[in-house]
Amino acid sequence: MLLEMLPVVRQRVSLSSLPVLGPSLGDYVDWMLERGYPRRTAREYLRQICRLEERLLALGVTSDHQLTREALLSCREPWHPRADPRDFLPTLVNSLDRYFLAQGRFHPPAPAIRELKALAFGEYLRNVRGFAPVTIQRYESIIQEFLVYISFDGSPERLRNIDGSMIESFVKFRARRAARAHLQKIAAAMRGFFKFLAMSGDILPGLEDQIVSSRVYRGERLPRALSWESVQAFLNAIDRSTPMGKRDYAIFLLMATYGLRAVEVGTLALENIDWRLERISLIQTKTGNGLTLPLTDEVGASLVDYLRHGRPPCPVREVFLRVVAPTGPLGPQGISYTFRSRVKRCGLPIPFKGPHCLRHSLAVHLLRQGGSLKEIGDVLGHKNAESTCVYIRLAVEDLREVALSLPTGVRP
C-alpha cells in the first residue's frame, strides 16, 4: 500500500533518507487504512514525514531504535489559536503515537498517584457497594478532580491531613460550574471516598459526616420533554443521504422509539439485534436489568440502511461508529455531541442540550396515547412505578379533566 502512495509524494519522501521513521512507514500506512483513515489523510501525513524526521534528527534521534515516545511527542508544537489548520504535523504525531502504542513499541505512561487512588476507590464501589459502571466512572472522575485540586500527586500526605475547610473550598470551586443536582452527586462521591479511606486506614473515620449536600427537592423540575411533533420534525430534518446522516437518524430513531439512554445506544452491539425473531435485547447500564424490545419495521429499516451503506468496516462489535478516523465506537459522549450538532443544523426551537429529552418525550407521548404506567415503565425499564409517575405531571390536558370545580357561593 505504501508503494501506491509514494509516487504522489516521491519528491519529498524517500525511505533511504528516513532512518528514523522509514522502517515503520509501510506498516503504519496499512494500520491507518485498516482504521478508516481516508487515503487523502494518509497522503498528507506522508508529506509531513520529512518535517517530522528533521525535528527528530535535531533532537539527536538518528535511528529507528533510538526513537522514544518522549522524543516523538516533543515534536508536537503547542496549540495556538492562530495555528494553521492545514498543518497536519500535530495530528501526524498523535497518529504515530497511537500506532506505536498499538504495536507495543511504546508503553503507555505509568498512571499518576491520583489515578491509582481513584481506581482503588472504583474497585471498592464495584465489589463492595455494587454500583453501576456508569456511576463508578462518574465518581472516579470527581475524585480525580478533587485530588488534582489538593495537589495530591506532588504531596500525597495532604490527603491524610485533609479537613473540612479544604473539602468546602473544593465544593465552592465546583459550584461555579455545576447545578445543585450535580453538586449533590459530588457530595455523594466525596462521602463515599472518605468512607473508603477510613476503612483503608488512610484517614480517621467521621470526616464523611461533615459533608453536607445541596438541597434538591423531589419533583421540583419537570421532565425535559418535547412535543411529539417536534420529535418527528427533528428526525425528518436529518439528511440521510450521507453515511453520517444514516447513522444519526438510526441513533435518534432508536432513542425516540424505545426511550433508550445515550449510553445504551452507544454500547449497542451487533449481537444485541436478533433479525430472525425481530427483537432487540440489551442490558440497561443504569439498573443492570435485561430489556427485550420488539424490532419495529421503521427502526429495522434504518439500521439496515446504516449497516449496509453507512457503517465503515471495523472489527469492533458496537453498531454505531465514529465517522472521523480512527474508526471506533461512537460512545455516549459522541451521541450527546451529535445531538447538539443536529439541533443547531435543523433550526428547530429545541431548548435541551442532551438527547435524554427524547426518552422523556416518548414517555409523555405514550401517556397521552392512553398507555398505562405499567406499560410505559416496562418500555423504559423502570424498576418501580414511582419513576414513571413523574411523567403524569406533563399530561396537563388529562389533569384538567380530573380537576374539581370551584365551589360556588363561597366567599374567599
Protein backbone atom coordinates (compact mmCIF):
# COMPACT_ATOMS: atom_id res chain seq x y z
CA MET A 1 0.00 0.00 0.00
CA LEU A 2 2.89 2.36 0.69
CA LEU A 3 4.20 1.89 -2.85
CA GLU A 4 0.84 3.03 -4.23
CA MET A 5 1.01 6.26 -2.26
CA LEU A 6 4.70 7.03 -2.57
CA PRO A 7 4.55 8.16 -6.25
CA VAL A 8 2.29 11.00 -5.15
CA VAL A 9 4.87 12.27 -2.69
CA ARG A 10 8.04 10.66 -4.04
CA GLN A 11 9.75 14.01 -4.46
CA ARG A 12 9.54 14.60 -0.71
CA VAL A 13 9.62 11.11 0.75
CA SER A 14 12.42 8.64 0.27
CA LEU A 15 12.72 5.67 2.56
CA SER A 16 16.50 5.72 2.36
CA SER A 17 16.54 9.30 3.65
CA LEU A 18 14.35 8.47 6.67
CA PRO A 19 16.50 6.40 9.04
CA VAL A 20 14.13 7.01 11.99
CA LEU A 21 10.62 6.69 10.57
CA GLY A 22 11.33 4.96 7.24
CA PRO A 23 11.37 1.35 8.55
CA SER A 24 7.88 1.76 10.05
CA LEU A 25 6.16 3.61 7.21
CA GLY A 26 4.77 0.58 5.35
CA ASP A 27 3.08 -0.98 8.36
CA TYR A 28 1.96 2.45 9.56
CA VAL A 29 0.12 3.19 6.30
CA ASP A 30 -1.59 -0.23 6.40
CA TRP A 31 -2.60 0.43 10.02
CA MET A 32 -4.15 3.78 9.09
CA LEU A 33 -6.20 2.38 6.24
CA GLU A 34 -7.44 -0.52 8.38
CA ARG A 35 -8.78 2.01 10.89
CA GLY A 36 -10.67 4.10 8.42
CA TYR A 37 -8.22 6.91 7.69
CA PRO A 38 -9.03 8.38 4.27
CA ARG A 39 -6.33 7.96 1.64
CA ARG A 40 -6.02 11.72 1.26
CA THR A 41 -5.23 11.98 5.00
CA ALA A 42 -2.59 9.26 4.71
CA ARG A 43 -1.00 11.14 1.79
CA GLU A 44 -0.98 14.40 3.79
CA TYR A 45 0.75 12.58 6.65
CA LEU A 46 3.36 11.22 4.26
CA ARG A 47 4.01 14.74 3.02
CA GLN A 48 4.81 15.79 6.60
CA ILE A 49 7.12 12.87 7.31
CA CYS A 50 10.26 14.76 6.24
CA ARG A 51 9.46 17.68 8.58
CA LEU A 52 8.98 15.29 11.47
CA GLU A 53 12.16 13.39 10.57
CA GLU A 54 14.16 16.63 10.59
CA ARG A 55 12.89 17.50 14.06
CA LEU A 56 13.78 14.08 15.39
CA LEU A 57 17.27 14.31 13.92
CA ALA A 58 17.68 17.73 15.54
CA LEU A 59 16.85 16.09 18.89
CA GLY A 60 19.65 13.56 18.39
CA VAL A 61 17.45 10.65 17.31
CA THR A 62 19.35 9.15 14.36
CA SER A 63 17.87 5.65 14.02
CA ASP A 64 14.68 3.72 14.42
CA HIS A 65 15.93 2.04 17.60
CA GLN A 66 16.59 5.39 19.33
CA LEU A 67 13.03 6.66 18.86
CA THR A 68 11.17 7.13 22.14
CA ARG A 69 7.68 8.33 22.95
CA GLU A 70 9.03 11.41 24.72
CA ALA A 71 11.06 12.41 21.66
CA LEU A 72 8.12 11.92 19.32
CA LEU A 73 5.67 13.92 21.46
CA SER A 74 8.20 16.73 21.90
CA CYS A 75 7.96 17.37 18.14
CA ARG A 76 4.34 18.37 18.53
CA GLU A 77 4.01 22.14 18.74
CA PRO A 78 1.77 23.58 21.46
CA TRP A 79 -1.69 24.50 20.25
CA HIS A 80 -2.14 28.14 19.30
CA PRO A 81 -5.40 29.86 18.28
CA ARG A 82 -3.69 31.28 15.18
CA ALA A 83 -2.14 27.98 14.14
CA ASP A 84 -2.61 26.94 10.53
CA PRO A 85 -5.50 24.41 10.46
CA ARG A 86 -3.95 22.88 7.33
CA ASP A 87 -0.81 21.90 9.22
CA PHE A 88 -1.01 18.12 9.61
CA LEU A 89 2.17 17.74 11.69
CA PRO A 90 0.46 17.75 15.14
CA THR A 91 -2.12 15.18 14.05
CA LEU A 92 0.61 13.11 12.41
CA VAL A 93 2.46 12.97 15.73
CA ASN A 94 -0.73 11.92 17.54
CA SER A 95 -1.45 9.26 14.93
CA LEU A 96 2.08 7.84 15.09
CA ASP A 97 1.86 7.79 18.87
CA ARG A 98 -1.33 5.71 18.72
CA TYR A 99 0.28 3.41 16.16
CA PHE A 100 3.40 2.73 18.22
CA LEU A 101 1.27 2.21 21.35
CA ALA A 102 -0.91 -0.30 19.50
CA GLN A 103 2.18 -2.15 18.23
CA GLY A 104 3.69 -2.34 21.70
CA ARG A 105 6.65 -0.27 20.60
CA PHE A 106 5.72 2.46 23.07
CA HIS A 107 4.42 1.78 26.54
CA PRO A 108 1.67 3.98 27.96
CA PRO A 109 2.81 6.27 30.75
CA ALA A 110 2.52 4.94 34.26
CA PRO A 111 -0.72 6.08 35.90
CA ALA A 112 -0.40 9.01 38.27
CA ILE A 113 -0.85 8.50 42.00
CA ARG A 114 -4.28 10.15 41.89
CA GLU A 115 -5.38 7.75 39.14
CA LEU A 116 -4.34 4.73 41.21
CA LYS A 117 -6.22 6.08 44.23
CA ALA A 118 -9.34 6.74 42.15
CA LEU A 119 -9.14 3.28 40.57
CA ALA A 120 -8.88 1.68 44.01
CA PHE A 121 -11.98 3.63 45.05
CA GLY A 122 -13.73 2.41 41.91
CA GLU A 123 -12.93 -1.21 42.77
CA TYR A 124 -14.44 -0.65 46.21
CA LEU A 125 -17.61 0.75 44.65
CA ARG A 126 -17.82 -2.18 42.25
CA ASN A 127 -17.03 -5.07 44.59
CA VAL A 128 -18.38 -3.82 47.93
CA ARG A 129 -21.11 -1.32 47.10
CA GLY A 130 -22.30 -2.89 43.83
CA PHE A 131 -22.53 0.40 41.91
CA ALA A 132 -23.31 0.53 38.21
CA PRO A 133 -20.31 1.06 35.87
CA VAL A 134 -21.58 4.46 34.70
CA THR A 135 -21.82 5.66 38.31
CA ILE A 136 -18.37 4.33 39.12
CA GLN A 137 -16.90 6.19 36.17
CA ARG A 138 -18.58 9.43 37.24
CA TYR A 139 -17.38 9.07 40.86
CA GLU A 140 -13.81 8.29 39.77
CA SER A 141 -13.78 11.43 37.64
CA ILE A 142 -14.99 13.57 40.56
CA ILE A 143 -12.39 12.14 42.92
CA GLN A 144 -9.56 12.66 40.43
CA GLU A 145 -10.60 16.27 40.07
CA PHE A 146 -10.58 16.66 43.86
CA LEU A 147 -7.12 15.09 44.13
CA VAL A 148 -5.81 17.47 41.48
CA TYR A 149 -7.35 20.37 43.41
CA ILE A 150 -5.42 19.47 46.58
CA SER A 151 -2.18 18.71 44.60
CA PHE A 152 -2.21 15.08 45.68
CA ASP A 153 0.37 13.92 43.12
CA GLY A 154 3.01 16.27 44.48
CA SER A 155 2.06 15.94 48.15
CA PRO A 156 0.30 12.61 48.91
CA GLU A 157 0.45 13.37 52.63
CA ARG A 158 -2.10 16.16 52.16
CA LEU A 159 -4.86 13.56 51.97
CA ARG A 160 -4.06 12.34 55.48
CA ASN A 161 -4.23 15.91 56.78
CA ILE A 162 -7.44 16.80 54.96
CA ASP A 163 -10.04 18.77 56.89
CA GLY A 164 -13.49 20.19 56.38
CA SER A 165 -12.27 23.58 55.17
CA MET A 166 -10.41 22.03 52.21
CA ILE A 167 -13.47 20.00 51.26
CA GLU A 168 -15.67 23.08 51.47
CA SER A 169 -13.21 25.01 49.32
CA PHE A 170 -13.37 22.34 46.61
CA VAL A 171 -17.17 22.22 46.68
CA LYS A 172 -17.32 26.02 46.30
CA PHE A 173 -14.88 25.77 43.40
CA ARG A 174 -17.07 23.18 41.64
CA ALA A 175 -20.25 25.10 42.42
CA ARG A 176 -19.21 27.79 39.94
CA ARG A 177 -20.00 25.49 37.02
CA ALA A 178 -22.41 22.92 38.44
CA ALA A 179 -26.11 22.86 39.18
CA ARG A 180 -27.47 21.87 42.57
CA ALA A 181 -28.38 18.39 41.35
CA HIS A 182 -24.80 17.80 40.19
CA LEU A 183 -23.41 19.18 43.45
CA GLN A 184 -25.46 16.54 45.22
CA LYS A 185 -23.65 13.86 43.18
CA ILE A 186 -20.31 15.47 44.03
CA ALA A 187 -21.14 15.36 47.73
CA ALA A 188 -22.20 11.70 47.45
CA ALA A 189 -18.93 10.80 45.71
CA MET A 190 -16.90 12.63 48.34
CA ARG A 191 -18.71 10.94 51.22
CA GLY A 192 -18.14 7.53 49.67
CA PHE A 193 -14.48 8.33 49.04
CA PHE A 194 -13.74 9.40 52.62
CA LYS A 195 -15.61 6.41 53.96
CA PHE A 196 -13.41 4.23 51.75
CA LEU A 197 -10.27 5.99 53.03
CA ALA A 198 -11.37 5.48 56.64
CA MET A 199 -11.95 1.76 56.02
CA SER A 200 -8.47 1.56 54.44
CA GLY A 201 -6.89 3.28 57.43
CA ASP A 202 -5.67 6.27 55.42
CA ILE A 203 -7.66 8.82 57.45
CA LEU A 204 -9.63 8.91 60.69
CA PRO A 205 -13.30 7.99 60.42
CA GLY A 206 -16.06 10.58 60.66
CA LEU A 207 -14.91 13.03 58.02
CA GLU A 208 -17.63 11.89 55.61
CA ASP A 209 -20.28 13.07 58.09
CA GLN A 210 -19.09 16.68 57.70
CA ILE A 211 -20.05 16.78 54.01
CA VAL A 212 -23.49 18.31 53.52
CA SER A 213 -25.04 18.04 50.09
CA SER A 214 -27.07 20.75 48.41
CA ARG A 215 -30.81 20.64 48.96
CA VAL A 216 -32.73 19.30 45.98
CA TYR A 217 -36.49 18.93 46.29
CA ARG A 218 -38.09 15.92 44.72
CA GLY A 219 -40.21 16.88 41.75
CA GLU A 220 -39.08 20.50 41.68
CA ARG A 221 -38.25 20.23 37.96
CA LEU A 222 -40.44 18.88 35.22
CA PRO A 223 -39.04 16.18 32.94
CA ARG A 224 -37.46 17.61 29.81
CA ALA A 225 -39.86 16.62 27.07
CA LEU A 226 -40.60 17.82 23.55
CA SER A 227 -43.91 17.64 21.77
CA TRP A 228 -44.19 14.56 19.57
CA GLU A 229 -44.50 16.84 16.54
CA SER A 230 -41.12 18.39 17.41
CA VAL A 231 -39.56 14.93 17.76
CA GLN A 232 -40.82 13.92 14.31
CA ALA A 233 -39.66 17.21 12.80
CA PHE A 234 -36.21 16.71 14.33
CA LEU A 235 -35.91 13.21 12.85
CA ASN A 236 -37.15 14.32 9.43
CA ALA A 237 -34.60 17.16 9.38
CA ILE A 238 -31.69 14.69 9.37
CA ASP A 239 -30.16 14.32 5.90
CA ARG A 240 -29.97 10.56 5.28
CA SER A 241 -28.07 10.78 2.01
CA THR A 242 -24.67 10.63 3.77
CA PRO A 243 -23.15 7.89 5.97
CA MET A 244 -23.20 10.26 8.95
CA GLY A 245 -26.86 11.10 8.33
CA LYS A 246 -27.80 7.41 8.12
CA ARG A 247 -26.02 6.79 11.43
CA ASP A 248 -27.52 9.77 13.24
CA TYR A 249 -31.05 9.02 12.04
CA ALA A 250 -30.79 5.42 13.27
CA ILE A 251 -29.44 6.56 16.63
CA PHE A 252 -32.12 9.12 17.40
CA LEU A 253 -34.90 6.96 15.96
CA LEU A 254 -33.85 4.24 18.42
CA MET A 255 -33.95 6.71 21.31
CA ALA A 256 -37.31 8.18 20.26
CA THR A 257 -38.91 4.76 19.61
CA TYR A 258 -37.72 2.88 22.69
CA GLY A 259 -36.64 5.63 25.10
CA LEU A 260 -33.11 4.29 25.28
CA ARG A 261 -30.38 6.23 27.04
CA ALA A 262 -27.35 7.51 25.15
CA VAL A 263 -25.05 5.05 26.92
CA GLU A 264 -27.32 2.14 25.95
CA VAL A 265 -27.34 3.15 22.29
CA GLY A 266 -23.59 3.80 22.35
CA THR A 267 -22.87 0.30 23.67
CA LEU A 268 -25.44 -1.47 21.47
CA ALA A 269 -23.63 -4.39 19.79
CA LEU A 270 -24.41 -6.31 16.63
CA GLU A 271 -25.30 -9.43 18.60
CA ASN A 272 -27.97 -7.47 20.53
CA ILE A 273 -30.12 -7.38 17.36
CA ASP A 274 -31.98 -10.60 16.58
CA TRP A 275 -33.15 -10.20 12.99
CA ARG A 276 -34.97 -13.54 12.82
CA LEU A 277 -37.04 -13.01 15.94
CA GLU A 278 -37.30 -9.25 15.24
CA ARG A 279 -36.22 -8.04 18.66
CA ILE A 280 -33.51 -6.06 20.40
CA SER A 281 -32.05 -7.36 23.66
CA LEU A 282 -29.72 -5.36 25.87
CA ILE A 283 -28.63 -4.80 29.45
CA GLN A 284 -29.60 -1.45 30.95
CA THR A 285 -26.45 0.25 32.15
CA LYS A 286 -28.18 2.12 34.97
CA THR A 287 -30.08 -0.76 36.56
CA GLY A 288 -28.26 -3.82 35.19
CA ASN A 289 -31.60 -5.36 34.18
CA GLY A 290 -32.18 -7.10 30.88
CA LEU A 291 -34.54 -5.42 28.43
CA THR A 292 -36.08 -7.00 25.33
CA LEU A 293 -37.87 -4.79 22.81
CA PRO A 294 -39.63 -5.57 19.52
CA LEU A 295 -37.75 -4.51 16.40
CA THR A 296 -40.17 -2.29 14.51
CA ASP A 297 -40.10 -2.08 10.72
CA GLU A 298 -39.03 1.56 10.74
CA VAL A 299 -36.15 1.01 13.17
CA GLY A 300 -35.09 -2.17 11.36
CA ALA A 301 -35.01 -0.38 8.01
CA SER A 302 -32.90 2.47 9.42
CA LEU A 303 -30.43 0.01 10.94
CA VAL A 304 -30.15 -1.98 7.71
CA ASP A 305 -29.61 1.21 5.72
CA TYR A 306 -26.79 2.28 8.06
CA LEU A 307 -25.15 -1.14 8.34
CA ARG A 308 -25.12 -1.65 4.57
CA HIS A 309 -24.42 1.85 3.30
CA GLY A 310 -23.07 3.93 6.19
CA ARG A 311 -21.09 1.87 8.70
CA PRO A 312 -17.36 1.75 7.92
CA PRO A 313 -15.63 -1.66 8.08
CA CYS A 314 -14.27 -2.18 11.56
CA PRO A 315 -13.56 -5.26 13.73
CA VAL A 316 -15.41 -3.87 16.80
CA ARG A 317 -18.90 -5.18 17.61
CA GLU A 318 -20.57 -1.89 18.54
CA VAL A 319 -23.18 -0.86 15.99
CA PHE A 320 -22.54 2.87 15.82
CA LEU A 321 -19.03 4.04 14.92
CA ARG A 322 -17.23 7.33 14.52
CA VAL A 323 -17.06 8.79 11.05
CA VAL A 324 -13.76 10.57 11.70
CA ALA A 325 -10.70 8.33 11.84
CA PRO A 326 -9.58 6.36 13.70
CA THR A 327 -12.73 4.29 13.36
CA GLY A 328 -14.18 3.09 16.65
CA PRO A 329 -17.30 3.09 18.83
CA LEU A 330 -19.11 6.43 18.94
CA GLY A 331 -19.90 6.22 22.65
CA PRO A 332 -22.41 8.20 24.75
CA GLN A 333 -20.39 11.43 24.70
CA GLY A 334 -20.23 11.29 20.92
CA ILE A 335 -24.00 10.81 20.79
CA SER A 336 -24.55 13.86 23.01
CA TYR A 337 -22.26 15.95 20.81
CA THR A 338 -24.04 14.70 17.70
CA PHE A 339 -27.43 15.66 19.16
CA ARG A 340 -26.29 19.22 19.86
CA SER A 341 -24.87 19.47 16.36
CA ARG A 342 -28.08 18.21 14.77
CA VAL A 343 -30.18 20.62 16.82
CA LYS A 344 -28.12 23.54 15.51
CA ARG A 345 -28.48 22.34 11.94
CA CYS A 346 -32.22 21.72 11.97
CA GLY A 347 -33.07 25.19 13.31
CA LEU A 348 -35.97 23.91 15.44
CA PRO A 349 -36.70 25.57 18.80
CA ILE A 350 -35.32 22.72 20.91
CA PRO A 351 -34.14 24.17 24.26
CA PHE A 352 -32.49 20.99 25.56
CA LYS A 353 -28.81 20.22 25.10
CA GLY A 354 -28.90 16.46 25.61
CA PRO A 355 -30.62 13.58 23.80
CA HIS A 356 -32.21 12.38 27.05
CA CYS A 357 -35.17 14.62 26.22
CA LEU A 358 -36.16 12.05 23.57
CA ARG A 359 -36.66 9.48 26.33
CA HIS A 360 -38.91 11.86 28.27
CA SER A 361 -40.76 12.79 25.08
CA LEU A 362 -41.58 9.14 24.38
CA ALA A 363 -42.94 8.65 27.91
CA VAL A 364 -45.24 11.65 27.62
CA HIS A 365 -46.33 10.59 24.12
CA LEU A 366 -47.25 7.09 25.31
CA LEU A 367 -49.12 8.56 28.28
CA ARG A 368 -51.17 10.83 26.05
CA GLN A 369 -51.89 7.90 23.74
CA GLY A 370 -53.55 6.08 26.63
CA GLY A 371 -50.69 3.88 27.74
CA SER A 372 -50.76 2.70 31.35
CA LEU A 373 -47.98 3.49 33.79
CA LYS A 374 -47.09 -0.20 33.85
CA GLU A 375 -46.69 -0.33 30.08
CA ILE A 376 -44.63 2.86 29.98
CA GLY A 377 -42.45 1.65 32.84
CA ASP A 378 -41.82 -1.66 31.04
CA VAL A 379 -40.72 0.15 27.87
CA LEU A 380 -38.41 2.50 29.77
CA GLY A 381 -37.11 -0.29 32.02
CA HIS A 382 -38.13 1.30 35.32
CA LYS A 383 -37.84 -0.79 38.47
CA ASN A 384 -40.83 0.77 40.23
CA ALA A 385 -43.87 2.83 39.33
CA GLU A 386 -42.60 5.93 41.15
CA SER A 387 -40.03 6.52 38.42
CA THR A 388 -42.81 6.54 35.83
CA CYS A 389 -45.26 8.69 37.80
CA VAL A 390 -43.18 11.83 37.26
CA TYR A 391 -44.49 11.99 33.69
CA ILE A 392 -48.08 12.35 34.87
CA ARG A 393 -47.35 15.99 35.68
CA LEU A 394 -46.73 16.67 31.99
CA ALA A 395 -50.15 15.34 30.92
CA VAL A 396 -51.72 18.74 31.53
CA GLU A 397 -54.85 18.16 29.44
CA ASP A 398 -55.60 14.89 31.24
CA LEU A 399 -55.08 16.52 34.64
CA ARG A 400 -57.59 19.25 33.74
CA GLU A 401 -60.29 16.63 33.21
CA VAL A 402 -59.97 15.32 36.77
CA ALA A 403 -59.74 18.72 38.44
CA LEU A 404 -62.61 19.57 40.77
CA SER A 405 -64.75 22.58 40.04
CA LEU A 406 -64.57 25.52 42.40
CA PRO A 407 -67.49 25.63 44.80
CA THR A 408 -70.00 28.41 44.12
CA GLY A 409 -71.37 30.83 46.69
CA VAL A 410 -68.31 30.56 48.94
CA ARG A 411 -66.59 33.78 49.89
CA PRO A 412 -62.80 33.77 49.92
